[in-house]
Each structure stands twice: as C-alpha cells, then as structure tokens.
C-alpha atoms as a PDB file:
ATOM      1  CA  UNK A   1      20.811 -21.279  -2.129  1.00  0.00           C
ATOM      2  CA  UNK A   2      21.182 -18.641   0.559  1.00  0.00           C
ATOM      3  CA  UNK A   3      22.276 -19.331   4.102  1.00  0.00           C
ATOM      4  CA  UNK A   4      19.055 -17.983   5.484  1.00  0.00           C
ATOM      5  CA  UNK A   5      15.751 -19.376   6.515  1.00  0.00           C
ATOM      6  CA  UNK A   6      12.746 -18.383   4.641  1.00  0.00           C
ATOM      7  CA  UNK A   7      10.056 -17.673   7.039  1.00  0.00           C
ATOM      8  CA  UNK A   8       6.389 -17.117   5.610  1.00  0.00           C
ATOM      9  CA  UNK A   9       5.631 -14.653   8.655  1.00  0.00           C
ATOM     10  CA  UNK A  10       8.306 -12.326   7.296  1.00  0.00           C
ATOM     11  CA  UNK A  11       6.277 -11.930   4.159  1.00  0.00           C
ATOM     12  CA  UNK A  12       3.019 -11.547   6.182  1.00  0.00           C
ATOM     13  CA  UNK A  13       4.432  -8.792   8.323  1.00  0.00           C
ATOM     14  CA  UNK A  14       5.935  -6.914   5.336  1.00  0.00           C
ATOM     15  CA  UNK A  15       2.353  -6.954   3.565  1.00  0.00           C
ATOM     16  CA  UNK A  16       0.482  -5.969   6.693  1.00  0.00           C
ATOM     17  CA  UNK A  17       2.689  -3.370   8.400  1.00  0.00           C
ATOM     18  CA  UNK A  18       4.884  -1.782   5.774  1.00  0.00           C
ATOM     19  CA  UNK A  19       2.595  -0.881   2.788  1.00  0.00           C
ATOM     20  CA  UNK A  20       4.128  -3.697   0.868  1.00  0.00           C
ATOM     21  CA  UNK A  21       2.469  -5.427  -2.198  1.00  0.00           C
ATOM     22  CA  UNK A  22       2.931  -9.026  -3.346  1.00  0.00           C
ATOM     23  CA  UNK A  23       3.511  -9.141  -7.137  1.00  0.00           C
ATOM     24  CA  UNK A  24       3.313 -12.265  -9.064  1.00  0.00           C
ATOM     25  CA  UNK A  25       5.956 -12.981 -11.706  1.00  0.00           C
ATOM     26  CA  UNK A  26       4.505 -14.652 -14.715  1.00  0.00           C
ATOM     27  CA  UNK A  27       5.888 -16.299 -17.820  1.00  0.00           C
ATOM     28  CA  UNK A  28       3.750 -17.467 -20.615  1.00  0.00           C
ATOM     29  CA  UNK A  29       0.669 -17.378 -18.399  1.00  0.00           C
ATOM     30  CA  UNK A  30       2.137 -19.422 -15.647  1.00  0.00           C
ATOM     31  CA  UNK A  31       3.337 -18.031 -12.079  1.00  0.00           C
ATOM     32  CA  UNK A  32       7.075 -18.671 -11.855  1.00  0.00           C
ATOM     33  CA  UNK A  33       7.716 -16.533  -8.626  1.00  0.00           C
ATOM     34  CA  UNK A  34       6.732 -13.469  -6.472  1.00  0.00           C
ATOM     35  CA  UNK A  35       8.208 -10.364  -5.091  1.00  0.00           C
ATOM     36  CA  UNK A  36       7.275  -8.209  -2.268  1.00  0.00           C
ATOM     37  CA  UNK A  37       7.510  -4.516  -3.429  1.00  0.00           C
ATOM     38  CA  UNK A  38       7.340  -1.228  -1.538  1.00  0.00           C
ATOM     39  CA  UNK A  39       8.256   2.362  -2.164  1.00  0.00           C
ATOM     40  CA  UNK A  40      10.811   4.065  -0.120  1.00  0.00           C
ATOM     41  CA  UNK A  41      12.557   7.540   0.392  1.00  0.00           C
ATOM     42  CA  UNK A  42      15.612   7.127   2.241  1.00  0.00           C
ATOM     43  CA  UNK A  43      18.655   9.364   3.104  1.00  0.00           C
ATOM     44  CA  UNK A  44      21.193   6.963   1.755  1.00  0.00           C
ATOM     45  CA  UNK A  45      19.696   7.121  -1.854  1.00  0.00           C
ATOM     46  CA  UNK A  46      19.710  10.967  -1.572  1.00  0.00           C
ATOM     47  CA  UNK A  47      16.048  10.976  -0.813  1.00  0.00           C
ATOM     48  CA  UNK A  48      14.997   9.496  -4.372  1.00  0.00           C
ATOM     49  CA  UNK A  49      11.651   7.804  -4.587  1.00  0.00           C
ATOM     50  CA  UNK A  50      12.653   4.120  -4.912  1.00  0.00           C
ATOM     51  CA  UNK A  51      10.683   0.995  -5.816  1.00  0.00           C
ATOM     52  CA  UNK A  52      12.243  -1.593  -3.415  1.00  0.00           C
ATOM     53  CA  UNK A  53      12.219  -5.271  -3.854  1.00  0.00           C
ATOM     54  CA  UNK A  54      11.946  -6.367  -0.200  1.00  0.00           C
ATOM     55  CA  UNK A  55      11.612 -10.279  -0.807  1.00  0.00           C
ATOM     56  CA  UNK A  56      11.894 -12.300  -3.886  1.00  0.00           C
ATOM     57  CA  UNK A  57      11.350 -15.784  -4.994  1.00  0.00           C
ATOM     58  CA  UNK A  58      12.498 -16.086  -8.546  1.00  0.00           C
ATOM     59  CA  UNK A  59      15.423 -17.800 -10.466  1.00  0.00           C
ATOM     60  CA  UNK A  60      18.508 -15.961 -11.218  1.00  0.00           C
ATOM     61  CA  UNK A  61      18.284 -17.257 -14.894  1.00  0.00           C
ATOM     62  CA  UNK A  62      19.367 -14.219 -16.990  1.00  0.00           C
ATOM     63  CA  UNK A  63      16.635 -14.867 -19.629  1.00  0.00           C
ATOM     64  CA  UNK A  64      13.943 -14.584 -17.142  1.00  0.00           C
ATOM     65  CA  UNK A  65      15.456 -11.501 -15.466  1.00  0.00           C
ATOM     66  CA  UNK A  66      15.477  -9.551 -18.805  1.00  0.00           C
ATOM     67  CA  UNK A  67      11.734  -9.609 -18.961  1.00  0.00           C
ATOM     68  CA  UNK A  68      11.200  -9.219 -15.161  1.00  0.00           C
ATOM     69  CA  UNK A  69      13.570  -6.278 -15.185  1.00  0.00           C
ATOM     70  CA  UNK A  70      11.738  -4.415 -17.855  1.00  0.00           C
ATOM     71  CA  UNK A  71       8.399  -5.020 -15.985  1.00  0.00           C
ATOM     72  CA  UNK A  72       9.897  -3.704 -12.677  1.00  0.00           C
ATOM     73  CA  UNK A  73      11.358  -0.752 -14.490  1.00  0.00           C
ATOM     74  CA  UNK A  74       7.861   0.043 -16.102  1.00  0.00           C
ATOM     75  CA  UNK A  75       6.028  -0.355 -12.776  1.00  0.00           C
ATOM     76  CA  UNK A  76       8.599   1.996 -11.029  1.00  0.00           C
ATOM     77  CA  UNK A  77       8.259   4.674 -13.631  1.00  0.00           C
ATOM     78  CA  UNK A  78       4.268   4.335 -13.268  1.00  0.00           C
ATOM     79  CA  UNK A  79       4.795   4.955  -9.571  1.00  0.00           C
ATOM     80  CA  UNK A  80       6.973   7.960 -10.138  1.00  0.00           C
ATOM     81  CA  UNK A  81      10.265   6.308  -8.927  1.00  0.00           C
ATOM     82  CA  UNK A  82      13.551   7.395  -9.813  1.00  0.00           C
ATOM     83  CA  UNK A  83      15.389   4.201  -8.620  1.00  0.00           C
ATOM     84  CA  UNK A  84      15.121   0.587  -8.081  1.00  0.00           C
ATOM     85  CA  UNK A  85      16.522  -1.112  -5.061  1.00  0.00           C
ATOM     86  CA  UNK A  86      16.966  -4.857  -4.224  1.00  0.00           C
ATOM     87  CA  UNK A  87      18.770  -6.762  -1.500  1.00  0.00           C
ATOM     88  CA  UNK A  88      19.360 -10.365  -1.666  1.00  0.00           C
ATOM     89  CA  UNK A  89      21.588 -12.851   0.253  1.00  0.00           C
ATOM     90  CA  UNK A  90      21.907 -14.972  -3.028  1.00  0.00           C
ATOM     91  CA  UNK A  91      25.301 -14.274  -4.499  1.00  0.00           C
ATOM     92  CA  UNK A  92      24.036 -15.446  -7.896  1.00  0.00           C
ATOM     93  CA  UNK A  93      21.950 -12.329  -8.246  1.00  0.00           C
ATOM     94  CA  UNK A  94      25.070 -10.115  -8.507  1.00  0.00           C
ATOM     95  CA  UNK A  95      26.269 -11.986 -11.663  1.00  0.00           C
ATOM     96  CA  UNK A  96      22.676 -11.728 -13.240  1.00  0.00           C
ATOM     97  CA  UNK A  97      22.021  -8.082 -12.140  1.00  0.00           C
ATOM     98  CA  UNK A  98      25.171  -6.584 -13.421  1.00  0.00           C
ATOM     99  CA  UNK A  99      24.351  -7.853 -16.871  1.00  0.00           C
ATOM    100  CA  UNK A 100      21.214  -5.788 -16.660  1.00  0.00           C
ATOM    101  CA  UNK A 101      23.173  -2.479 -15.663  1.00  0.00           C
ATOM    102  CA  UNK A 102      22.331  -2.918 -11.777  1.00  0.00           C
ATOM    103  CA  UNK A 103      25.451  -1.934  -9.568  1.00  0.00           C
ATOM    104  CA  UNK A 104      26.190  -2.900  -6.019  1.00  0.00           C
ATOM    105  CA  UNK A 105      25.484  -0.219  -3.847  1.00  0.00           C
ATOM    106  CA  UNK A 106      25.983  -1.837  -0.379  1.00  0.00           C
ATOM    107  CA  UNK A 107      26.840  -5.107   1.396  1.00  0.00           C
ATOM    108  CA  UNK A 108      25.011  -6.333   4.484  1.00  0.00           C
ATOM    109  CA  UNK A 109      27.016  -8.031   7.039  1.00  0.00           C
ATOM    110  CA  UNK A 110      25.627  -9.812  10.078  1.00  0.00           C
ATOM    111  CA  UNK A 111      26.882 -11.853  12.941  1.00  0.00           C
ATOM    112  CA  UNK A 112      24.707 -14.296  14.898  1.00  0.00           C
ATOM    113  CA  UNK A 113      24.862 -13.818  18.728  1.00  0.00           C
END
C-alpha cells in the first residue's frame, strides 16, 4: 500500500544496532502483525522520552487500532515515556490515527537520485 519496498534487512539492522525491540501484535491469541519499538530523546520533541514505532506491519483497520493503541500507550507509560511517535509511508494511517487523538507532527519528503 506504500510506494516503498519492505526489506527484512532493515528490521534486522534496527534490532541489532539500535536497541530496538520486536513486539508481536495479537488478537484473540493469534499474531496479526508486528512492530519494531525503540525509545528516543530528541530535540524536535523537546527532549521528551518517546516510545517510537520504527516499523510496523499491521492493518489500518480502526477496530484493531483501538486495542493496539491502548496497549502501546500502556507500554509507553510503563517505560516512563511522555510521548508516542510513529512514522509511516501509508496514507491510510493518518485517517485511522486522527480518530485516536494522534496528530500529524511532520511530513517526510524524499527524492530518488
């Protein structure tokens, strides 16, 4: 759904080099997707401790996201985070996330050389 290629090596590099963690997303005891999570302190978010969703493989279905959003928020609070961050090339996530009180903070542009 996004105009980008998924490369498993990207996930591997994040897990090995960036103190990131693979988190399985389950519904009714079945895995329905996964996310790569990390914690960041960056100047653009006023040095707040953030739980960052680096990569994601889950539907944009709002019903699924209601439970997922609550679980990620609970995890962030347990990790003493003040903010959640998420970047995605999938336009469908904006419609879903705004229903759950997320707001767009930035847009990433790129140009292939």
